[in-house]
Amino acid sequence: IRRVQNPSLYQQYAAKRKEISTRNRKNPEQWLWHGTYPDTVKKIINNGFNRSYCGKHGTSCGAGVYFAVHASYSLGYCSADSNGCKHMFSVQVATGDVCQGNSSLLVLPPKLGAGGHVTYDSASDNPSNPVIFVIFHDSQAYPAYHIILR
């Protein structure tokens, strides 16, 4: 387990988390999991998560970056490197107010009762009992720990 040290990336995340927490004080942040390919580990550590890569494993809840509540779920999205190691991240994610995701979601919809001016903060497979979360702003997640599994 390696702690990620990227102050610039963390500052971006902290600003986005603060913005979300002013609108949603009850549960603005969660620790979630993200499994990845070996060739993307350094990109995530150096630049954070990037929606441009979405769709490698489908977009059942929208065209964003996916995170799981359980590490075992994310492990299914890892592939081994040349040494047989798999790579995952333990991630701080500013999930905020969550809506139901769907495969045609490109941006988050306006929150119900908010007059169309405020959108949800993330999407999920099931907002009342989520297994996965999807974010649509790259700065909404910080890869806090890189985990190498043998």
N, C-alpha and C. Protein backbone atom coordinates (compact mmCIF):
# COMPACT_ATOMS: atom_id res chain seq x y z
N ILE A 1 0.86 -1.18 0.00
CA ILE A 1 0.00 0.00 0.00
C ILE A 1 0.90 1.23 0.00
N ARG A 2 0.65 2.12 -0.94
CA ARG A 2 1.43 3.35 -1.04
C ARG A 2 0.50 4.56 -0.96
N ARG A 3 0.86 5.49 -0.11
CA ARG A 3 0.09 6.72 -0.01
C ARG A 3 0.46 7.63 -1.18
N VAL A 4 -0.54 8.16 -1.86
CA VAL A 4 -0.31 9.07 -2.98
C VAL A 4 -0.04 10.47 -2.42
N GLN A 5 1.01 11.10 -2.90
CA GLN A 5 1.37 12.46 -2.48
C GLN A 5 1.33 13.37 -3.71
N ASN A 6 0.23 14.04 -3.92
CA ASN A 6 0.09 14.96 -5.04
C ASN A 6 -0.66 16.20 -4.54
N PRO A 7 0.06 17.17 -3.96
CA PRO A 7 -0.58 18.33 -3.35
C PRO A 7 -1.48 19.12 -4.30
N SER A 8 -1.07 19.29 -5.53
CA SER A 8 -1.87 20.03 -6.50
C SER A 8 -3.20 19.34 -6.76
N LEU A 9 -3.14 18.05 -6.96
CA LEU A 9 -4.35 17.26 -7.21
C LEU A 9 -5.25 17.28 -5.98
N TYR A 10 -4.65 17.19 -4.78
CA TYR A 10 -5.45 17.21 -3.57
C TYR A 10 -6.13 18.56 -3.37
N GLN A 11 -5.45 19.65 -3.69
CA GLN A 11 -6.05 20.98 -3.57
C GLN A 11 -7.27 21.11 -4.47
N GLN A 12 -7.19 20.57 -5.68
CA GLN A 12 -8.34 20.59 -6.60
C GLN A 12 -9.50 19.80 -6.01
N TYR A 13 -9.18 18.63 -5.46
CA TYR A 13 -10.21 17.80 -4.85
C TYR A 13 -10.83 18.50 -3.64
N ALA A 14 -10.01 19.07 -2.78
CA ALA A 14 -10.51 19.74 -1.57
C ALA A 14 -11.44 20.89 -1.93
N ALA A 15 -11.13 21.63 -2.97
CA ALA A 15 -11.99 22.73 -3.41
C ALA A 15 -13.34 22.20 -3.90
N LYS A 16 -13.32 21.13 -4.67
CA LYS A 16 -14.57 20.55 -5.17
C LYS A 16 -15.39 19.95 -4.03
N ARG A 17 -14.71 19.28 -3.09
CA ARG A 17 -15.40 18.72 -1.92
C ARG A 17 -16.07 19.82 -1.10
N LYS A 18 -15.38 20.94 -0.92
CA LYS A 18 -15.94 22.06 -0.17
C LYS A 18 -17.18 22.61 -0.87
N GLU A 19 -17.10 22.75 -2.18
CA GLU A 19 -18.25 23.23 -2.97
C GLU A 19 -19.45 22.30 -2.78
N ILE A 20 -19.22 21.00 -2.85
CA ILE A 20 -20.30 20.03 -2.71
C ILE A 20 -20.82 20.01 -1.27
N SER A 21 -19.95 20.12 -0.29
CA SER A 21 -20.38 20.06 1.11
C SER A 21 -21.22 21.27 1.52
N THR A 22 -21.06 22.40 0.85
CA THR A 22 -21.91 23.56 1.16
C THR A 22 -23.35 23.31 0.72
N ARG A 23 -23.54 22.47 -0.28
CA ARG A 23 -24.89 22.14 -0.75
C ARG A 23 -25.45 20.91 -0.06
N ASN A 24 -24.59 20.01 0.37
CA ASN A 24 -25.03 18.73 0.93
C ASN A 24 -24.17 18.40 2.15
N ARG A 25 -24.62 18.80 3.30
CA ARG A 25 -23.83 18.64 4.51
C ARG A 25 -23.91 17.23 5.10
N LYS A 26 -24.90 16.43 4.73
CA LYS A 26 -25.09 15.15 5.41
C LYS A 26 -24.08 14.08 5.00
N ASN A 27 -23.66 14.02 3.75
CA ASN A 27 -22.74 12.96 3.34
C ASN A 27 -21.98 13.38 2.08
N PRO A 28 -21.13 14.39 2.19
CA PRO A 28 -20.48 14.89 0.98
C PRO A 28 -19.37 14.00 0.44
N GLU A 29 -18.80 13.13 1.29
CA GLU A 29 -17.61 12.38 0.87
C GLU A 29 -17.69 10.92 1.31
N GLN A 30 -17.14 10.04 0.46
CA GLN A 30 -17.05 8.62 0.81
C GLN A 30 -15.70 8.08 0.36
N TRP A 31 -15.24 7.05 1.05
CA TRP A 31 -14.06 6.31 0.63
C TRP A 31 -14.54 5.17 -0.25
N LEU A 32 -14.07 5.12 -1.48
CA LEU A 32 -14.49 4.11 -2.45
C LEU A 32 -13.28 3.48 -3.10
N TRP A 33 -13.51 2.52 -4.00
CA TRP A 33 -12.44 1.76 -4.65
C TRP A 33 -12.48 1.94 -6.15
N HIS A 34 -11.30 1.87 -6.76
CA HIS A 34 -11.19 1.95 -8.22
C HIS A 34 -10.11 0.98 -8.68
N GLY A 35 -10.51 0.00 -9.47
CA GLY A 35 -9.56 -0.94 -10.06
C GLY A 35 -9.12 -0.44 -11.42
N THR A 36 -7.88 -0.73 -11.79
CA THR A 36 -7.38 -0.17 -13.05
C THR A 36 -6.35 -1.09 -13.70
N TYR A 37 -5.96 -0.71 -14.89
CA TYR A 37 -4.91 -1.41 -15.63
C TYR A 37 -3.54 -0.90 -15.18
N PRO A 38 -2.52 -1.72 -15.28
CA PRO A 38 -1.17 -1.30 -14.87
C PRO A 38 -0.68 -0.04 -15.59
N ASP A 39 -1.02 0.11 -16.86
CA ASP A 39 -0.51 1.25 -17.63
C ASP A 39 -1.17 2.58 -17.27
N THR A 40 -2.24 2.56 -16.47
CA THR A 40 -2.89 3.82 -16.09
C THR A 40 -2.54 4.27 -14.68
N VAL A 41 -1.81 3.46 -13.92
CA VAL A 41 -1.50 3.80 -12.52
C VAL A 41 -0.78 5.14 -12.41
N LYS A 42 0.30 5.32 -13.14
CA LYS A 42 1.07 6.57 -13.06
C LYS A 42 0.25 7.76 -13.53
N LYS A 43 -0.59 7.56 -14.54
CA LYS A 43 -1.45 8.65 -15.03
C LYS A 43 -2.41 9.10 -13.94
N ILE A 44 -2.99 8.14 -13.22
CA ILE A 44 -3.92 8.48 -12.14
C ILE A 44 -3.18 9.18 -11.01
N ILE A 45 -2.01 8.68 -10.62
CA ILE A 45 -1.24 9.31 -9.54
C ILE A 45 -0.82 10.73 -9.91
N ASN A 46 -0.39 10.93 -11.15
CA ASN A 46 0.10 12.24 -11.57
C ASN A 46 -0.99 13.22 -11.96
N ASN A 47 -2.07 12.72 -12.57
CA ASN A 47 -3.08 13.62 -13.14
C ASN A 47 -4.49 13.41 -12.60
N GLY A 48 -4.69 12.40 -11.77
CA GLY A 48 -6.02 12.12 -11.25
C GLY A 48 -6.83 11.28 -12.23
N PHE A 49 -8.11 11.21 -11.97
CA PHE A 49 -9.01 10.42 -12.80
C PHE A 49 -9.45 11.25 -14.00
N ASN A 50 -9.73 10.57 -15.10
CA ASN A 50 -10.01 11.28 -16.35
C ASN A 50 -11.20 10.62 -17.05
N ARG A 51 -12.27 11.39 -17.20
CA ARG A 51 -13.48 10.87 -17.86
C ARG A 51 -13.24 10.52 -19.32
N SER A 52 -12.17 11.03 -19.90
CA SER A 52 -11.87 10.73 -21.31
C SER A 52 -11.65 9.24 -21.53
N TYR A 53 -11.28 8.52 -20.47
CA TYR A 53 -11.04 7.09 -20.60
C TYR A 53 -12.27 6.25 -20.29
N CYS A 54 -13.40 6.89 -20.02
CA CYS A 54 -14.58 6.13 -19.64
C CYS A 54 -15.05 5.26 -20.81
N GLY A 55 -15.69 4.18 -20.46
CA GLY A 55 -16.22 3.28 -21.48
C GLY A 55 -15.41 2.03 -21.70
N LYS A 56 -14.25 1.91 -21.06
CA LYS A 56 -13.44 0.69 -21.22
C LYS A 56 -14.23 -0.54 -20.78
N HIS A 57 -15.06 -0.36 -19.78
CA HIS A 57 -15.86 -1.48 -19.25
C HIS A 57 -17.35 -1.18 -19.34
N GLY A 58 -17.75 -0.31 -20.24
CA GLY A 58 -19.15 0.03 -20.38
C GLY A 58 -19.51 1.29 -19.61
N THR A 59 -20.69 1.75 -19.85
CA THR A 59 -21.17 2.98 -19.21
C THR A 59 -22.61 2.78 -18.74
N SER A 60 -22.84 1.76 -17.95
CA SER A 60 -24.20 1.43 -17.52
C SER A 60 -24.86 2.52 -16.70
N CYS A 61 -24.07 3.35 -16.02
CA CYS A 61 -24.63 4.43 -15.20
C CYS A 61 -24.21 5.81 -15.69
N GLY A 62 -23.66 5.89 -16.90
CA GLY A 62 -23.28 7.18 -17.46
C GLY A 62 -21.82 7.24 -17.87
N ALA A 63 -21.49 8.31 -18.59
CA ALA A 63 -20.15 8.49 -19.15
C ALA A 63 -19.25 9.24 -18.18
N GLY A 64 -18.92 8.59 -17.08
CA GLY A 64 -18.07 9.21 -16.07
C GLY A 64 -17.04 8.23 -15.56
N VAL A 65 -16.45 8.55 -14.42
CA VAL A 65 -15.46 7.68 -13.78
C VAL A 65 -16.18 6.88 -12.70
N TYR A 66 -15.92 5.58 -12.67
CA TYR A 66 -16.63 4.65 -11.80
C TYR A 66 -15.83 4.27 -10.56
N PHE A 67 -16.55 4.15 -9.44
CA PHE A 67 -15.97 3.75 -8.16
C PHE A 67 -16.93 2.77 -7.49
N ALA A 68 -16.39 1.86 -6.70
CA ALA A 68 -17.21 0.85 -6.03
C ALA A 68 -17.14 0.98 -4.52
N VAL A 69 -18.23 0.58 -3.89
CA VAL A 69 -18.30 0.56 -2.43
C VAL A 69 -17.40 -0.54 -1.87
N HIS A 70 -17.33 -1.67 -2.56
CA HIS A 70 -16.57 -2.83 -2.09
C HIS A 70 -15.34 -3.07 -2.96
N ALA A 71 -14.21 -3.31 -2.32
CA ALA A 71 -12.96 -3.57 -3.05
C ALA A 71 -13.09 -4.78 -3.97
N SER A 72 -13.83 -5.79 -3.54
CA SER A 72 -13.98 -7.00 -4.35
C SER A 72 -14.62 -6.70 -5.70
N TYR A 73 -15.51 -5.73 -5.75
CA TYR A 73 -16.14 -5.34 -7.01
C TYR A 73 -15.10 -4.71 -7.93
N SER A 74 -14.30 -3.79 -7.41
CA SER A 74 -13.28 -3.12 -8.21
C SER A 74 -12.18 -4.06 -8.66
N LEU A 75 -11.91 -5.08 -7.86
CA LEU A 75 -10.89 -6.05 -8.22
C LEU A 75 -11.20 -6.71 -9.57
N GLY A 76 -12.47 -6.84 -9.88
CA GLY A 76 -12.88 -7.42 -11.15
C GLY A 76 -12.51 -6.57 -12.36
N TYR A 77 -12.12 -5.32 -12.12
CA TYR A 77 -11.74 -4.41 -13.21
C TYR A 77 -10.24 -4.18 -13.29
N CYS A 78 -9.49 -5.00 -12.56
CA CYS A 78 -8.03 -4.93 -12.59
C CYS A 78 -7.49 -5.99 -13.54
N SER A 79 -6.39 -5.68 -14.18
CA SER A 79 -5.67 -6.71 -14.94
C SER A 79 -4.24 -6.75 -14.42
N ALA A 80 -3.64 -7.92 -14.48
CA ALA A 80 -2.30 -8.11 -13.91
C ALA A 80 -1.22 -7.50 -14.79
N ASP A 81 -0.18 -7.00 -14.15
CA ASP A 81 0.99 -6.49 -14.88
C ASP A 81 1.93 -7.66 -15.18
N SER A 82 3.10 -7.38 -15.71
CA SER A 82 4.05 -8.43 -16.11
C SER A 82 4.55 -9.26 -14.92
N ASN A 83 4.41 -8.73 -13.71
CA ASN A 83 4.82 -9.46 -12.50
C ASN A 83 3.66 -10.20 -11.85
N GLY A 84 2.49 -10.13 -12.47
CA GLY A 84 1.31 -10.78 -11.91
C GLY A 84 0.60 -9.97 -10.85
N CYS A 85 0.96 -8.69 -10.71
CA CYS A 85 0.34 -7.82 -9.71
C CYS A 85 -0.85 -7.07 -10.30
N LYS A 86 -1.88 -6.88 -9.47
CA LYS A 86 -3.03 -6.07 -9.85
C LYS A 86 -2.98 -4.77 -9.05
N HIS A 87 -3.59 -3.71 -9.62
CA HIS A 87 -3.51 -2.38 -9.03
C HIS A 87 -4.90 -1.80 -8.78
N MET A 88 -5.06 -1.27 -7.56
CA MET A 88 -6.31 -0.61 -7.17
C MET A 88 -5.97 0.67 -6.43
N PHE A 89 -6.98 1.52 -6.31
CA PHE A 89 -6.85 2.73 -5.52
C PHE A 89 -7.96 2.79 -4.48
N SER A 90 -7.60 3.24 -3.28
CA SER A 90 -8.57 3.64 -2.27
C SER A 90 -8.72 5.15 -2.48
N VAL A 91 -9.95 5.58 -2.70
CA VAL A 91 -10.19 6.92 -3.23
C VAL A 91 -11.16 7.71 -2.36
N GLN A 92 -10.81 8.97 -2.11
CA GLN A 92 -11.75 9.90 -1.49
C GLN A 92 -12.60 10.46 -2.63
N VAL A 93 -13.92 10.28 -2.53
CA VAL A 93 -14.82 10.73 -3.59
C VAL A 93 -15.89 11.63 -2.99
N ALA A 94 -16.03 12.82 -3.54
CA ALA A 94 -17.08 13.75 -3.13
C ALA A 94 -18.36 13.37 -3.87
N THR A 95 -19.13 12.45 -3.28
CA THR A 95 -20.32 11.93 -3.95
C THR A 95 -21.52 12.86 -3.82
N GLY A 96 -21.64 13.56 -2.69
CA GLY A 96 -22.74 14.51 -2.52
C GLY A 96 -24.10 13.89 -2.73
N ASP A 97 -25.00 14.65 -3.38
CA ASP A 97 -26.35 14.17 -3.69
C ASP A 97 -26.29 13.26 -4.92
N VAL A 98 -26.87 12.09 -4.79
CA VAL A 98 -26.74 11.04 -5.81
C VAL A 98 -28.06 10.82 -6.53
N CYS A 99 -27.98 10.69 -7.86
CA CYS A 99 -29.16 10.37 -8.66
C CYS A 99 -29.00 8.98 -9.27
N GLN A 100 -30.08 8.47 -9.82
CA GLN A 100 -30.05 7.19 -10.53
C GLN A 100 -29.31 7.36 -11.84
N GLY A 101 -28.29 6.55 -12.06
CA GLY A 101 -27.55 6.61 -13.31
C GLY A 101 -28.22 5.80 -14.40
N ASN A 102 -27.85 6.08 -15.65
CA ASN A 102 -28.29 5.27 -16.79
C ASN A 102 -27.27 5.41 -17.90
N SER A 103 -27.32 4.52 -18.86
CA SER A 103 -26.28 4.46 -19.89
C SER A 103 -26.23 5.67 -20.81
N SER A 104 -27.31 6.45 -20.87
CA SER A 104 -27.31 7.63 -21.74
C SER A 104 -26.89 8.92 -21.03
N LEU A 105 -26.54 8.82 -19.76
CA LEU A 105 -26.18 10.00 -18.96
C LEU A 105 -24.80 10.53 -19.35
N LEU A 106 -24.77 11.74 -19.92
CA LEU A 106 -23.51 12.40 -20.27
C LEU A 106 -23.13 13.47 -19.26
N VAL A 107 -24.14 14.11 -18.68
CA VAL A 107 -23.97 15.09 -17.61
C VAL A 107 -25.04 14.80 -16.56
N LEU A 108 -24.83 15.28 -15.37
CA LEU A 108 -25.80 15.03 -14.31
C LEU A 108 -27.04 15.89 -14.50
N PRO A 109 -28.22 15.34 -14.19
CA PRO A 109 -29.46 16.09 -14.36
C PRO A 109 -29.68 17.09 -13.22
N PRO A 110 -30.57 18.06 -13.43
CA PRO A 110 -30.93 18.99 -12.36
C PRO A 110 -31.59 18.24 -11.20
N LYS A 111 -31.33 18.72 -9.99
CA LYS A 111 -31.95 18.12 -8.81
C LYS A 111 -33.42 18.45 -8.80
N LEU A 112 -34.22 17.48 -8.40
CA LEU A 112 -35.65 17.69 -8.29
C LEU A 112 -35.94 18.76 -7.24
N GLY A 113 -36.79 19.69 -7.56
CA GLY A 113 -37.16 20.73 -6.63
C GLY A 113 -36.15 21.85 -6.48
N ALA A 114 -35.12 21.86 -7.30
CA ALA A 114 -34.08 22.90 -7.20
C ALA A 114 -34.23 23.96 -8.28
N GLY A 115 -35.32 23.94 -9.01
CA GLY A 115 -35.57 24.96 -10.02
C GLY A 115 -34.72 24.83 -11.26
N GLY A 116 -34.07 23.70 -11.44
CA GLY A 116 -33.27 23.47 -12.64
C GLY A 116 -31.90 24.10 -12.63
N HIS A 117 -31.53 24.75 -11.53
CA HIS A 117 -30.24 25.46 -11.48
C HIS A 117 -29.13 24.64 -10.83
N VAL A 118 -29.49 23.65 -10.04
CA VAL A 118 -28.51 22.87 -9.31
C VAL A 118 -28.61 21.41 -9.77
N THR A 119 -27.47 20.82 -10.11
CA THR A 119 -27.48 19.42 -10.54
C THR A 119 -27.10 18.50 -9.38
N TYR A 120 -27.37 17.23 -9.58
CA TYR A 120 -26.88 16.22 -8.64
C TYR A 120 -25.35 16.23 -8.70
N ASP A 121 -24.72 15.61 -7.71
CA ASP A 121 -23.25 15.59 -7.64
C ASP A 121 -22.65 14.32 -8.22
N SER A 122 -23.40 13.23 -8.20
CA SER A 122 -22.92 11.96 -8.74
C SER A 122 -24.11 11.09 -9.10
N ALA A 123 -23.82 9.99 -9.77
CA ALA A 123 -24.86 9.01 -10.13
C ALA A 123 -24.49 7.67 -9.51
N SER A 124 -25.47 6.78 -9.47
CA SER A 124 -25.25 5.46 -8.89
C SER A 124 -26.14 4.43 -9.55
N ASP A 125 -25.79 3.17 -9.34
CA ASP A 125 -26.64 2.08 -9.82
C ASP A 125 -27.93 2.01 -9.02
N ASN A 126 -27.90 2.44 -7.76
CA ASN A 126 -29.06 2.41 -6.88
C ASN A 126 -28.83 3.42 -5.76
N PRO A 127 -29.34 4.65 -5.89
CA PRO A 127 -29.05 5.69 -4.89
C PRO A 127 -29.40 5.32 -3.45
N SER A 128 -30.40 4.46 -3.24
CA SER A 128 -30.76 4.11 -1.87
C SER A 128 -29.87 3.02 -1.28
N ASN A 129 -29.21 2.24 -2.14
CA ASN A 129 -28.29 1.19 -1.68
C ASN A 129 -27.22 0.97 -2.75
N PRO A 130 -26.32 1.93 -2.92
CA PRO A 130 -25.38 1.88 -4.05
C PRO A 130 -24.29 0.83 -3.91
N VAL A 131 -23.93 0.29 -5.07
CA VAL A 131 -22.76 -0.58 -5.19
C VAL A 131 -21.67 0.19 -5.94
N ILE A 132 -22.10 1.00 -6.91
CA ILE A 132 -21.15 1.83 -7.66
C ILE A 132 -21.60 3.29 -7.67
N PHE A 133 -20.62 4.18 -7.79
CA PHE A 133 -20.84 5.61 -7.95
C PHE A 133 -20.13 6.06 -9.21
N VAL A 134 -20.69 7.06 -9.86
CA VAL A 134 -20.08 7.63 -11.06
C VAL A 134 -19.98 9.14 -10.87
N ILE A 135 -18.80 9.69 -11.16
CA ILE A 135 -18.63 11.14 -11.09
C ILE A 135 -18.39 11.68 -12.49
N PHE A 136 -18.74 12.94 -12.68
CA PHE A 136 -18.65 13.57 -13.99
C PHE A 136 -17.72 14.78 -13.99
N HIS A 137 -17.09 15.04 -12.85
CA HIS A 137 -16.07 16.09 -12.73
C HIS A 137 -14.81 15.40 -12.20
N ASP A 138 -13.74 15.46 -12.95
CA ASP A 138 -12.52 14.73 -12.59
C ASP A 138 -11.99 15.11 -11.21
N SER A 139 -12.18 16.35 -10.79
CA SER A 139 -11.64 16.80 -9.51
C SER A 139 -12.47 16.32 -8.31
N GLN A 140 -13.51 15.55 -8.54
CA GLN A 140 -14.35 15.04 -7.46
C GLN A 140 -13.76 13.84 -6.75
N ALA A 141 -12.60 13.37 -7.20
CA ALA A 141 -12.00 12.18 -6.59
C ALA A 141 -10.50 12.38 -6.43
N TYR A 142 -9.99 11.88 -5.30
CA TYR A 142 -8.56 11.93 -5.04
C TYR A 142 -8.05 10.52 -4.76
N PRO A 143 -7.08 10.04 -5.55
CA PRO A 143 -6.53 8.70 -5.35
C PRO A 143 -5.58 8.67 -4.15
N ALA A 144 -6.11 8.45 -2.97
CA ALA A 144 -5.33 8.59 -1.74
C ALA A 144 -4.30 7.48 -1.54
N TYR A 145 -4.66 6.24 -1.89
CA TYR A 145 -3.76 5.11 -1.69
C TYR A 145 -3.73 4.22 -2.93
N HIS A 146 -2.53 3.85 -3.33
CA HIS A 146 -2.31 2.91 -4.43
C HIS A 146 -2.03 1.56 -3.80
N ILE A 147 -2.83 0.58 -4.14
CA ILE A 147 -2.72 -0.75 -3.55
C ILE A 147 -2.27 -1.74 -4.62
N ILE A 148 -1.20 -2.45 -4.34
CA ILE A 148 -0.66 -3.45 -5.26
C ILE A 148 -0.96 -4.82 -4.67
N LEU A 149 -1.63 -5.65 -5.44
CA LEU A 149 -2.03 -6.98 -4.99
C LEU A 149 -1.25 -8.05 -5.74
N ARG A 150 -0.67 -8.97 -5.01
CA ARG A 150 0.09 -10.06 -5.64
C ARG A 150 -0.71 -11.34 -5.61
